[in-house]
Amino acid sequence: MGQVSIGEFYSGPGGLGLATKMAKTKSTNGKVHSFKHIFATDYDLDSCETYKRNVSDKCEVICSDIKKLDLNALPYVDGLLYGFPCNDFSNAGETKGLEGKFGPLYSFGVKYLNLRNPKFFLAENVSGISGANSGNAFAKILSDLNNAGIKGYKLTVHKYRFEEYGIPQARHRFIIIGIRNDLGLTFKVPKPLSKIITCKDALTNPPIPNWALNQELTKQSKQVVERLSYIKPGENAWTADIPHHLQLNVKGAKMSMIYKRLDPKRPSYTVTGSGGGGTHVYHWKENRALTNRERARLQTFPDDFEFVGSKESVRKQIGMAVPVLGAKIILECVLKTLHGISYDSIQSNYDY
């Protein structure tokens, strides 16, 4: 098959893109198999610039609203990668699902599958997608993907706990791998790694070099610094013993991540791309939020990966990305599946 050509929708800053550049596998005859980027598209200008600077090589990066993109003009690729927008599926939002502004955007991936019939696709979204619209949204999405194209696709659906794959972050995401039915192949979920990497190890071993970009500190008020001083590693604003004048006056749901310090003995909690005060991920010892470069470490971006844009734009890009090294493991298993190479696997945890 040679190099496996790929295209991306909703490519973001390049979590999946960089993973495909790194992913390689070898047949018993010594032949190396890898991916070749053909195109990537995203609507966010900063994300597109980040992708161009770090991933693109000769890949065409199209910065456009996908609703205005001429899908007929996109070439055939062997594989489509797309982490379709999660805004309407996330438990942190209103979970409008397919009734929201972003929920229906998965359909553009289906349209491309119908047009070009690639050999495989990888789709990614938050764990909350399974419960959106009382479960009907995910059922509709999986049905559309299953029946896409001329031949349809055999789906392997699995909710990955990325901390089980060497990612220093408790990030739980659905990954759907579809292999075109006529190929007669089945993707199997790669077996988790035996080693858990803590957030402290990820951020200090080795230390972040002085030359690394996106390392600006967040300006915090005296009150926030004082509040953090009462919060122990692993605690948040609700579980810590905080003086009354520093407690938060919030009605309703009390999100566990608010002013939550990292536990240095465990992987980080989930790095998010947006949110107000108290959601920036907080150091286990120092009274401060993490820098964007530290957040990028938790997402396993290399230190020489340069994010383009304002500090808040970079935060969004990092939080919305797929962990690079976790994606690399999955994509290498896609290569192995396509080339008939066996690997250690487990049963998928979502029956479809």
Protein backbone atom coordinates (compact mmCIF):
# COMPACT_ATOMS: atom_id res chain seq x y z
CA MET A 1 0.00 0.00 0.00
CA GLY A 2 2.99 2.33 0.48
CA GLN A 3 2.26 5.45 2.48
CA VAL A 4 -1.32 5.75 3.69
CA SER A 5 -2.74 9.11 2.60
CA ILE A 6 -4.86 11.03 5.10
CA GLY A 7 -7.00 14.14 5.33
CA GLU A 8 -8.31 15.91 8.43
CA PHE A 9 -11.47 17.80 9.31
CA TYR A 10 -11.50 20.01 12.44
CA SER A 11 -7.74 19.56 12.60
CA GLY A 12 -7.17 22.05 15.44
CA PRO A 13 -3.53 22.77 16.29
CA GLY A 14 -2.41 19.29 15.21
CA GLY A 15 -2.72 16.69 17.96
CA LEU A 16 -3.83 14.03 15.50
CA GLY A 17 -1.72 15.57 12.75
CA LEU A 18 1.52 15.36 14.70
CA ALA A 19 0.62 11.83 15.82
CA THR A 20 0.33 10.73 12.19
CA LYS A 21 3.74 12.20 11.43
CA MET A 22 5.22 10.20 14.29
CA ALA A 23 3.30 6.95 13.68
CA LYS A 24 5.21 4.18 11.93
CA THR A 25 5.16 0.40 11.90
CA LYS A 26 7.17 -2.32 10.21
CA SER A 27 6.21 -5.58 8.50
CA THR A 28 8.15 -8.78 9.06
CA ASN A 29 9.91 -8.20 5.73
CA GLY A 30 11.29 -4.93 7.08
CA LYS A 31 9.04 -2.62 5.07
CA VAL A 32 8.13 0.54 7.00
CA HIS A 33 4.55 1.81 6.81
CA SER A 34 3.56 5.40 7.58
CA PHE A 35 1.05 8.14 6.82
CA LYS A 36 1.17 10.96 4.29
CA HIS A 37 -0.82 14.16 4.87
CA ILE A 38 -2.77 15.48 1.91
CA PHE A 39 -5.07 18.10 3.44
CA ALA A 40 -6.29 19.50 6.75
CA THR A 41 -9.07 21.96 7.43
CA ASP A 42 -10.21 24.03 10.42
CA TYR A 43 -12.11 27.30 10.82
CA ASP A 44 -9.89 28.85 13.52
CA LEU A 45 -7.12 31.03 12.12
CA ASP A 46 -4.71 30.57 15.04
CA SER A 47 -5.17 26.79 14.95
CA CYS A 48 -4.47 26.76 11.22
CA GLU A 49 -1.30 28.79 11.70
CA THR A 50 -0.18 26.49 14.51
CA TYR A 51 -0.81 23.46 12.28
CA LYS A 52 1.10 25.01 9.36
CA ARG A 53 4.07 25.86 11.57
CA ASN A 54 4.39 22.45 13.21
CA VAL A 55 2.72 19.76 11.14
CA SER A 56 1.86 20.63 7.57
CA ASP A 57 5.03 20.02 5.48
CA LYS A 58 3.47 19.74 1.99
CA CYS A 59 -0.02 19.21 3.35
CA GLU A 60 -2.63 21.74 2.20
CA VAL A 61 -4.11 23.55 5.21
CA ILE A 62 -7.52 25.04 4.42
CA CYS A 63 -8.75 27.62 6.93
CA SER A 64 -12.48 27.73 6.32
CA ASP A 65 -15.85 27.22 7.94
CA ILE A 66 -16.63 23.64 6.93
CA LYS A 67 -20.21 24.63 6.12
CA LYS A 68 -18.81 26.84 3.35
CA LEU A 69 -16.21 24.33 2.13
CA ASP A 70 -16.69 22.61 -1.24
CA LEU A 71 -16.26 18.98 -0.22
CA ASN A 72 -16.36 17.93 -3.87
CA ALA A 73 -13.08 19.78 -4.40
CA LEU A 74 -11.26 17.72 -1.76
CA PRO A 75 -9.21 14.82 -3.15
CA TYR A 76 -9.47 11.15 -2.25
CA VAL A 77 -7.46 10.02 0.76
CA ASP A 78 -7.08 6.56 2.24
CA GLY A 79 -8.13 7.76 5.68
CA LEU A 80 -10.17 10.61 7.15
CA LEU A 81 -9.38 11.85 10.66
CA TYR A 82 -11.83 14.09 12.44
CA GLY A 83 -12.42 15.06 16.02
CA PHE A 84 -15.76 16.71 15.35
CA PRO A 85 -16.71 19.59 17.70
CA CYS A 86 -17.64 18.46 21.20
CA ASN A 87 -19.30 21.65 22.49
CA ASP A 88 -22.83 20.21 22.44
CA PHE A 89 -21.80 16.81 23.82
CA SER A 90 -19.57 17.80 26.74
CA ASN A 91 -20.88 17.28 30.26
CA ALA A 92 -19.45 20.71 31.07
CA GLY A 93 -21.91 22.33 28.67
CA GLU A 94 -25.66 22.18 28.08
CA THR A 95 -25.41 18.82 26.24
CA LYS A 96 -27.77 19.91 23.48
CA GLY A 97 -26.39 17.16 21.27
CA LEU A 98 -27.70 17.17 17.71
CA GLU A 99 -30.10 19.98 18.64
CA GLY A 100 -27.22 22.39 19.27
CA LYS A 101 -25.17 24.60 16.98
CA PHE A 102 -22.16 22.29 16.87
CA GLY A 103 -23.71 18.84 17.27
CA PRO A 104 -24.68 18.37 13.59
CA LEU A 105 -21.15 19.13 12.36
CA TYR A 106 -20.24 15.42 12.52
CA SER A 107 -22.29 15.07 9.33
CA PHE A 108 -19.62 16.71 7.17
CA GLY A 109 -17.33 13.76 7.85
CA VAL A 110 -20.14 11.44 6.77
CA LYS A 111 -20.59 13.50 3.59
CA TYR A 112 -16.90 13.08 2.76
CA LEU A 113 -17.13 9.32 3.39
CA ASN A 114 -20.07 9.21 0.99
CA LEU A 115 -18.17 11.15 -1.65
CA ARG A 116 -14.74 9.51 -1.54
CA ASN A 117 -15.14 6.15 0.23
CA PRO A 118 -11.76 6.15 1.99
CA LYS A 119 -10.43 2.89 3.38
CA PHE A 120 -10.83 4.01 6.99
CA PHE A 121 -11.73 6.87 9.27
CA LEU A 122 -10.96 7.91 12.85
CA ALA A 123 -13.54 10.01 14.70
CA GLU A 124 -13.05 11.40 18.21
CA ASN A 125 -15.32 13.04 20.78
CA VAL A 126 -15.92 13.48 24.51
CA SER A 127 -17.28 10.69 26.70
CA GLY A 128 -20.47 12.69 27.27
CA ILE A 129 -21.54 12.09 23.68
CA SER A 130 -22.99 8.70 24.64
CA GLY A 131 -25.63 10.34 26.84
CA ALA A 132 -26.57 13.36 24.69
CA ASN A 133 -30.24 13.50 23.64
CA SER A 134 -30.91 10.50 25.91
CA GLY A 135 -28.40 8.44 23.92
CA ASN A 136 -30.16 9.07 20.61
CA ALA A 137 -27.46 11.41 19.29
CA PHE A 138 -24.67 8.85 19.52
CA ALA A 139 -26.88 6.12 18.07
CA LYS A 140 -27.65 8.37 15.08
CA ILE A 141 -23.99 9.29 14.57
CA LEU A 142 -22.83 5.66 14.73
CA SER A 143 -25.57 4.55 12.35
CA ASP A 144 -24.64 7.23 9.83
CA LEU A 145 -20.95 6.27 10.03
CA ASN A 146 -21.72 2.58 9.82
CA ASN A 147 -23.73 3.05 6.63
CA ALA A 148 -21.57 5.72 4.99
CA GLY A 149 -20.11 5.31 1.53
CA ILE A 150 -20.86 2.65 -1.05
CA LYS A 151 -19.72 -0.29 1.08
CA GLY A 152 -20.33 0.93 4.62
CA TYR A 153 -17.83 0.70 7.49
CA LYS A 154 -17.15 -1.81 10.25
CA LEU A 155 -16.94 0.21 13.45
CA THR A 156 -14.84 -0.31 16.54
CA VAL A 157 -16.10 2.04 19.26
CA HIS A 158 -14.14 2.42 22.47
CA LYS A 159 -13.99 4.91 25.33
CA TYR A 160 -10.29 5.35 25.92
CA ARG A 161 -8.91 6.26 29.31
CA PHE A 162 -5.77 7.95 28.05
CA GLU A 163 -4.01 7.72 31.40
CA GLU A 164 -3.88 3.96 30.70
CA TYR A 165 -1.84 4.68 27.56
CA GLY A 166 1.00 6.64 29.10
CA ILE A 167 -0.69 10.05 28.96
CA PRO A 168 -0.15 12.02 32.22
CA GLN A 169 -3.78 13.11 32.25
CA ALA A 170 -7.13 11.46 33.07
CA ARG A 171 -8.69 12.19 29.70
CA HIS A 172 -11.57 9.95 28.64
CA ARG A 173 -12.64 10.09 25.00
CA PHE A 174 -14.55 8.00 22.51
CA ILE A 175 -12.51 6.98 19.49
CA ILE A 176 -14.40 5.42 16.59
CA ILE A 177 -12.37 3.55 13.99
CA GLY A 178 -14.23 2.57 10.85
CA ILE A 179 -12.71 0.18 8.30
CA ARG A 180 -14.44 -0.05 4.91
CA ASN A 181 -16.42 -3.29 4.80
CA ASP A 182 -15.04 -4.62 1.53
CA LEU A 183 -11.52 -4.75 3.00
CA GLY A 184 -12.58 -7.52 5.39
CA LEU A 185 -10.51 -6.06 8.24
CA THR A 186 -11.35 -5.37 11.87
CA PHE A 187 -9.60 -2.78 14.02
CA LYS A 188 -8.90 -4.00 17.54
CA VAL A 189 -8.44 -1.76 20.57
CA PRO A 190 -4.74 -1.61 21.52
CA LYS A 191 -3.87 -3.04 24.91
CA PRO A 192 -3.21 -0.38 27.58
CA LEU A 193 0.33 0.18 28.79
CA SER A 194 1.43 -1.08 32.18
CA LYS A 195 2.99 2.22 33.29
CA ILE A 196 1.08 5.22 34.66
CA ILE A 197 2.84 8.58 34.30
CA THR A 198 2.13 11.18 36.98
CA CYS A 199 1.64 14.86 36.24
CA LYS A 200 4.68 15.70 38.36
CA ASP A 201 6.88 13.37 36.35
CA ALA A 202 5.53 14.80 33.09
CA LEU A 203 6.20 18.40 34.13
CA THR A 204 9.57 17.96 35.85
CA ASN A 205 11.32 15.05 34.15
CA PRO A 206 12.96 16.68 32.31
CA PRO A 207 12.34 20.28 33.38
CA ILE A 208 10.82 22.55 30.76
CA PRO A 209 13.75 24.24 28.97
CA ASN A 210 14.23 28.00 29.09
CA TRP A 211 13.83 28.26 25.32
CA ALA A 212 10.35 26.74 25.28
CA LEU A 213 7.61 29.09 24.05
CA ASN A 214 4.05 29.54 25.41
CA GLN A 215 5.41 29.57 28.96
CA GLU A 216 3.82 32.83 30.18
CA LEU A 217 2.47 32.80 33.72
CA THR A 218 -1.17 33.63 34.39
CA LYS A 219 -1.69 36.81 36.40
CA GLN A 220 -3.58 35.93 39.56
CA SER A 221 -5.10 38.20 42.16
CA LYS A 222 -3.90 38.30 45.74
CA GLN A 223 -7.19 36.68 46.78
CA VAL A 224 -6.70 33.72 44.38
CA VAL A 225 -3.14 33.20 45.60
CA GLU A 226 -4.36 33.25 49.21
CA ARG A 227 -7.19 30.82 48.40
CA LEU A 228 -4.77 28.40 46.73
CA SER A 229 -2.56 28.48 49.81
CA TYR A 230 -5.31 26.64 51.73
CA ILE A 231 -5.87 23.98 49.05
CA LYS A 232 -3.81 20.81 49.36
CA PRO A 233 -2.69 18.62 46.42
CA GLY A 234 -5.71 16.87 44.93
CA GLU A 235 -8.22 19.15 46.70
CA ASN A 236 -10.49 21.74 45.12
CA ALA A 237 -12.34 24.86 46.27
CA TRP A 238 -15.17 22.76 47.73
CA THR A 239 -13.23 20.03 49.52
CA ALA A 240 -10.48 22.19 51.06
CA ASP A 241 -10.74 23.85 54.48
CA ILE A 242 -10.84 27.47 53.31
CA PRO A 243 -11.60 30.53 55.47
CA HIS A 244 -15.07 31.95 54.93
CA HIS A 245 -13.88 35.16 53.22
CA LEU A 246 -12.09 33.08 50.56
CA GLN A 247 -14.88 30.60 49.87
CA LEU A 248 -16.73 30.75 46.56
CA ASN A 249 -20.31 31.97 46.55
CA VAL A 250 -21.71 29.70 43.84
CA LYS A 251 -25.19 28.25 43.69
CA GLY A 252 -26.05 24.97 42.00
CA ALA A 253 -23.51 22.46 40.69
CA LYS A 254 -20.06 22.59 42.22
CA MET A 255 -17.62 21.46 39.52
CA SER A 256 -14.81 19.38 40.98
CA MET A 257 -12.14 21.06 38.86
CA ILE A 258 -12.65 24.57 40.30
CA TYR A 259 -9.34 25.68 41.83
CA LYS A 260 -8.30 22.07 41.96
CA ARG A 261 -4.65 21.41 42.62
CA LEU A 262 -2.93 18.59 40.81
CA ASP A 263 -2.04 15.50 42.78
CA PRO A 264 1.68 14.96 42.03
CA LYS A 265 1.30 11.22 42.58
CA ARG A 266 -1.39 10.84 39.89
CA PRO A 267 -2.04 11.87 36.31
CA SER A 268 -3.58 15.30 35.88
CA TYR A 269 -7.30 15.80 35.71
CA THR A 270 -8.67 16.74 32.27
CA VAL A 271 -7.13 19.80 30.63
CA THR A 272 -9.93 21.91 29.13
CA GLY A 273 -9.89 24.59 26.47
CA SER A 274 -12.18 27.14 28.07
CA GLY A 275 -13.74 28.22 31.33
CA GLY A 276 -13.54 31.11 33.74
CA GLY A 277 -11.84 31.52 37.08
CA GLY A 278 -10.66 28.36 38.74
CA THR A 279 -10.55 26.16 35.62
CA HIS A 280 -6.96 26.67 34.48
CA VAL A 281 -5.43 23.61 36.21
CA TYR A 282 -3.36 24.42 39.31
CA HIS A 283 0.13 23.42 40.38
CA TRP A 284 0.38 20.92 43.24
CA LYS A 285 2.82 23.10 45.22
CA GLU A 286 3.12 26.59 43.77
CA ASN A 287 0.15 28.94 44.24
CA ARG A 288 -0.54 29.42 40.54
CA ALA A 289 -2.21 28.07 37.44
CA LEU A 290 -0.18 26.04 34.98
CA THR A 291 1.35 27.73 31.98
CA ASN A 292 0.22 26.78 28.50
CA ARG A 293 3.49 24.95 27.97
CA GLU A 294 2.82 22.87 31.06
CA ARG A 295 -0.68 22.11 29.80
CA ALA A 296 0.85 21.12 26.48
CA ARG A 297 3.17 18.71 28.31
CA LEU A 298 0.10 17.06 29.85
CA GLN A 299 -1.28 16.71 26.31
CA THR A 300 2.13 15.22 25.28
CA PHE A 301 3.02 17.93 22.77
CA PRO A 302 6.82 18.24 22.47
CA ASP A 303 8.47 21.34 23.89
CA ASP A 304 9.46 22.61 20.43
CA PHE A 305 5.82 22.63 19.26
CA GLU A 306 4.97 26.34 18.94
CA PHE A 307 1.36 27.42 19.43
CA VAL A 308 0.32 30.60 17.61
CA GLY A 309 -2.05 33.22 19.06
CA SER A 310 -2.94 34.94 22.32
CA LYS A 311 -2.59 33.15 25.63
CA GLU A 312 -6.32 32.36 25.73
CA SER A 313 -6.29 31.18 22.12
CA VAL A 314 -3.39 28.87 22.87
CA ARG A 315 -5.17 27.56 25.96
CA LYS A 316 -8.20 26.72 23.81
CA GLN A 317 -6.08 24.98 21.19
CA ILE A 318 -4.32 22.82 23.77
CA GLY A 319 -7.50 21.91 25.62
CA MET A 320 -9.36 20.88 22.45
CA ALA A 321 -6.54 18.72 21.07
CA VAL A 322 -6.20 14.95 21.11
CA PRO A 323 -3.20 13.81 23.24
CA VAL A 324 -0.40 13.31 20.73
CA LEU A 325 1.21 10.16 22.09
CA GLY A 326 -2.14 8.51 22.80
CA ALA A 327 -3.25 9.16 19.23
CA LYS A 328 0.08 7.82 17.97
CA ILE A 329 -0.56 4.45 19.65
CA ILE A 330 -4.02 4.18 18.08
CA LEU A 331 -2.85 5.29 14.63
CA GLU A 332 0.03 2.82 14.62
CA CYS A 333 -2.53 0.10 15.27
CA VAL A 334 -4.56 1.41 12.32
CA LEU A 335 -1.45 0.97 10.15
CA LYS A 336 -0.96 -2.53 11.52
CA THR A 337 -4.59 -3.41 10.82
CA LEU A 338 -4.36 -2.18 7.23
CA HIS A 339 -1.15 -4.16 6.64
CA GLY A 340 -2.13 -7.36 8.43
CA ILE A 341 0.30 -6.95 11.33
CA SER A 342 -0.82 -8.41 14.66
CA TYR A 343 -0.63 -6.53 17.97
CA ASP A 344 -1.77 -6.93 21.57
CA SER A 345 -5.38 -5.88 21.95
CA ILE A 346 -8.39 -5.86 24.29
CA GLN A 347 -12.15 -6.07 23.83
CA SER A 348 -13.83 -2.74 23.07
CA ASN A 349 -15.94 -1.39 25.96
CA TYR A 350 -18.81 -0.06 23.84
CA ASP A 351 -20.98 -2.65 22.15
CA TYR A 352 -22.19 -1.51 18.77
